[in-house]
Structure formats: structure tokens, C-alpha cells
C-alpha atoms as a PDB file:
ATOM      1  CA  MET A   1       9.604  -1.453  -3.435  1.00  0.00           C
ATOM      2  CA  ASN A   2       9.778  -2.328   0.125  1.00  0.00           C
ATOM      3  CA  PHE A   3       6.228  -2.379   1.646  1.00  0.00           C
ATOM      4  CA  ILE A   4       7.143  -0.286   4.686  1.00  0.00           C
ATOM      5  CA  LYS A   5       8.734   2.356   2.387  1.00  0.00           C
ATOM      6  CA  GLN A   6       5.668   2.536   0.249  1.00  0.00           C
ATOM      7  CA  ILE A   7       3.512   3.158   3.406  1.00  0.00           C
ATOM      8  CA  GLU A   8       5.854   5.771   4.635  1.00  0.00           C
ATOM      9  CA  ARG A   9       5.746   7.528   1.257  1.00  0.00           C
ATOM     10  CA  ILE A  10       1.950   7.502   1.182  1.00  0.00           C
ATOM     11  CA  LYS A  11       1.903   8.965   4.795  1.00  0.00           C
ATOM     12  CA  LYS A  12       4.264  11.794   3.665  1.00  0.00           C
ATOM     13  CA  ILE A  13       2.012  12.471   0.521  1.00  0.00           C
ATOM     14  CA  HIS A  14      -0.960  12.660   2.987  1.00  0.00           C
ATOM     15  CA  LYS A  15       0.681  14.957   5.305  1.00  0.00           C
ATOM     16  CA  LEU A  16       1.770  17.301   2.456  1.00  0.00           C
ATOM     17  CA  ILE A  17      -1.741  17.327   0.777  1.00  0.00           C
ATOM     18  CA  CYS A  18      -3.364  17.949   4.244  1.00  0.00           C
ATOM     19  CA  GLY A  19      -1.203  21.018   4.646  1.00  0.00           C
ATOM     20  CA  GLU A  20      -1.776  22.024   1.177  1.00  0.00           C
ATOM     21  CA  LYS A  21       2.051  22.409   0.601  1.00  0.00           C
ATOM     22  CA  THR A  22       2.632  20.152  -2.277  1.00  0.00           C
ATOM     23  CA  GLY A  23       3.443  22.721  -4.880  1.00  0.00           C
ATOM     24  CA  ALA A  24       2.967  21.956  -8.566  1.00  0.00           C
ATOM     25  CA  PRO A  25       2.963  18.385  -9.717  1.00  0.00           C
ATOM     26  CA  ILE A  26       6.668  18.547 -10.854  1.00  0.00           C
ATOM     27  CA  ALA A  27       7.728  20.098  -7.513  1.00  0.00           C
ATOM     28  CA  PHE A  28       5.670  17.721  -5.524  1.00  0.00           C
ATOM     29  CA  ALA A  29       7.217  14.709  -7.313  1.00  0.00           C
ATOM     30  CA  GLN A  30      10.749  16.170  -6.776  1.00  0.00           C
ATOM     31  CA  LYS A  31       9.983  16.453  -2.911  1.00  0.00           C
ATOM     32  CA  LEU A  32       9.305  12.769  -2.943  1.00  0.00           C
ATOM     33  CA  HIS A  33      12.117  11.893  -5.285  1.00  0.00           C
ATOM     34  CA  LEU A  34       9.634  10.502  -7.921  1.00  0.00           C
ATOM     35  CA  SER A  35       9.074  11.040 -11.580  1.00  0.00           C
ATOM     36  CA  ARG A  36       5.670  13.032 -12.193  1.00  0.00           C
ATOM     37  CA  SER A  37       4.046   9.792 -13.600  1.00  0.00           C
ATOM     38  CA  GLN A  38       5.220   7.939 -10.407  1.00  0.00           C
ATOM     39  CA  LEU A  39       3.566  10.664  -8.447  1.00  0.00           C
ATOM     40  CA  TYR A  40       0.338  10.150 -10.136  1.00  0.00           C
ATOM     41  CA  ASN A  41       0.395   6.432  -9.562  1.00  0.00           C
ATOM     42  CA  GLU A  42       0.798   7.097  -5.866  1.00  0.00           C
ATOM     43  CA  LEU A  43      -2.108   9.473  -5.895  1.00  0.00           C
ATOM     44  CA  GLU A  44      -4.198   6.869  -7.641  1.00  0.00           C
ATOM     45  CA  THR A  45      -3.196   4.423  -4.952  1.00  0.00           C
ATOM     46  CA  ILE A  46      -4.487   6.830  -2.262  1.00  0.00           C
ATOM     47  CA  LYS A  47      -7.661   7.617  -4.403  1.00  0.00           C
ATOM     48  CA  GLU A  48      -8.385   3.885  -4.221  1.00  0.00           C
ATOM     49  CA  PHE A  49      -8.945   4.697  -0.547  1.00  0.00           C
ATOM     50  CA  ASP A  50     -11.735   7.032  -1.553  1.00  0.00           C
ATOM     51  CA  ALA A  51      -9.675  10.041  -0.930  1.00  0.00           C
ATOM     52  CA  PRO A  52     -11.111  13.213  -2.462  1.00  0.00           C
ATOM     53  CA  ILE A  53      -7.972  14.639  -3.919  1.00  0.00           C
ATOM     54  CA  LYS A  54      -8.087  17.642  -6.059  1.00  0.00           C
ATOM     55  CA  TYR A  55      -5.555  20.047  -7.573  1.00  0.00           C
ATOM     56  CA  CYS A  56      -5.940  23.847  -7.441  1.00  0.00           C
ATOM     57  CA  LYS A  57      -3.989  25.572 -10.360  1.00  0.00           C
ATOM     58  CA  LYS A  58      -4.418  29.030  -8.603  1.00  0.00           C
ATOM     59  CA  ARG A  59      -2.765  27.830  -5.384  1.00  0.00           C
ATOM     60  CA  GLU A  60      -0.514  25.282  -7.130  1.00  0.00           C
ATOM     61  CA  THR A  61      -1.307  22.488  -4.553  1.00  0.00           C
ATOM     62  CA  PHE A  62      -3.071  19.403  -4.208  1.00  0.00           C
ATOM     63  CA  TYR A  63      -5.800  19.245  -1.493  1.00  0.00           C
ATOM     64  CA  TYR A  64      -8.588  17.110  -0.122  1.00  0.00           C
ATOM     65  CA  GLU A  65     -12.125  18.438  -1.325  1.00  0.00           C
ATOM     66  CA  THR A  66     -13.518  17.176   1.925  1.00  0.00           C
ATOM     67  CA  PRO A  67     -12.022  16.327   5.272  1.00  0.00           C
ATOM     68  CA  PHE A  68     -10.131  13.002   4.840  1.00  0.00           C
ATOM     69  CA  GLU A  69      -8.069  10.972   7.387  1.00  0.00           C
ATOM     70  CA  LEU A  70      -5.791   8.278   6.380  1.00  0.00           C
ATOM     71  CA  VAL A  71      -4.373   5.958   9.157  1.00  0.00           C
ATOM     72  CA  PHE A  72      -2.063   3.151   8.572  1.00  0.00           C
ATOM     73  CA  ASN A  73      -1.338   0.665  11.332  1.00  0.00           C
ATOM     74  CA  TYR A  74       1.130  -2.132  10.803  1.00  0.00           C
ATOM     75  CA  SER A  75       3.483  -4.417  12.881  1.00  0.00           C
ATOM     76  CA  PHE A  76       5.990  -6.928  12.003  1.00  0.00           C
ATOM     77  CA  LYS A  77       7.930  -9.496  14.138  1.00  0.00           C
ATOM     78  CA  ILE A  78      11.190 -11.347  13.326  1.00  0.00           C
ATOM     79  CA  ILE A  79      10.703 -15.070  13.610  1.00  0.00           C
ATOM     80  CA  LYS A  80      13.672 -17.204  14.251  1.00  0.00           C
ATOM     81  CA  ASP A  81      14.275 -20.572  12.820  1.00  0.00           C
ATOM     82  CA  ASP A  82      13.271 -22.412  16.066  1.00  0.00           C
ATOM     83  CA  GLU A  83      10.026 -20.505  16.070  1.00  0.00           C
ATOM     84  CA  SER A  84       8.949 -20.953  12.600  1.00  0.00           C
ATOM     85  CA  ARG A  85       6.638 -23.716  11.381  1.00  0.00           C
ATOM     86  CA  GLU A  86       4.694 -24.565   8.292  1.00  0.00           C
ATOM     87  CA  ILE A  87       1.036 -23.853   8.128  1.00  0.00           C
ATOM     88  CA  PHE A  88      -1.233 -25.304   5.590  1.00  0.00           C
ATOM     89  CA  GLY A  89      -4.818 -24.228   4.803  1.00  0.00           C
ATOM     90  CA  GLY A  90      -7.576 -24.653   2.443  1.00  0.00           C
ATOM     91  CA  LEU A  91      -9.981 -27.468   1.546  1.00  0.00           C
ATOM     92  CA  ASN A  92      -9.703 -31.072   2.835  1.00  0.00           C
ATOM     93  CA  PHE A  93      -7.086 -32.723   0.936  1.00  0.00           C
ATOM     94  CA  ARG A  94      -7.577 -36.307   0.257  1.00  0.00           C
ATOM     95  CA  PRO A  95      -4.868 -37.587  -1.962  1.00  0.00           C
ATOM     96  CA  ILE A  96      -6.141 -40.295  -4.505  1.00  0.00           C
ATOM     97  CA  LEU A  97      -4.153 -42.173  -6.839  1.00  0.00           C
ATOM     98  CA  LEU A  98      -5.257 -42.399 -10.462  1.00  0.00           C
ATOM     99  CA  ASP A  99      -6.841 -45.868  -9.860  1.00  0.00           C
ATOM    100  CA  GLY A 100      -8.966 -44.220  -7.037  1.00  0.00           C
ATOM    101  CA  THR A 101      -6.945 -45.682  -4.102  1.00  0.00           C
ATOM    102  CA  LEU A 102      -6.725 -43.351  -1.032  1.00  0.00           C
ATOM    103  CA  ILE A 103      -3.283 -42.885   0.294  1.00  0.00           C
ATOM    104  CA  SER A 104      -2.199 -41.617   3.736  1.00  0.00           C
ATOM    105  CA  LEU A 105       0.239 -38.861   4.207  1.00  0.00           C
ATOM    106  CA  LEU A 106       1.029 -39.823   7.916  1.00  0.00           C
END
């Protein structure tokens, strides 16, 4: 799935939970065009951020047990071919042949 679409879906889930307007799990999943099991996978993702998500059978809604704020900030920039360059990182790389001879990459 597209990264931005997943973030937008999580934001929508969060908004519905905050408003306690999710409905039962099946209805909530349908609002999001997900299966019930996919919904629970998304809820687990949010719980990984320490979200105190609970479900009330009486009110038939998911809710946050304690106040919880979820804020996503992201940005992206399109890089044209003439702006791109290769960047290498990591440890010092010293190419050595099997006989122990150092070689230069310049």
C-alpha cells in the first residue's frame, strides 16, 4: 500500500475513535473499506504508538481510554534527474584483493 494512503487511513481511524463514532467492528471496517481483520491490523499499528484503544460493547464504539493525540507530519519533494546524485554511507571502505593488495577506486 502507498505510504501516504496508509497515513491518511490511520488519521481517519484516529478521528473516528476520538469522536467515538466508529460503530461496531464490522461497520467500522466497512467505513474504511477494509475487512474486519485488516481493521484490527490497523488498530494494532496505532497501538504500537501507545494508543490506549478500547472497545465499548454497550455504546458499540472504539474509544481512547485516556486522552491521546496522534500527529503525523510528512513532506516529500520530487527530484528531477539533474538534481539527483548517489550518496553512499557506512564504514570506511578499503577494497583489498585476496592477496592483501589495496586497490584505489579513483
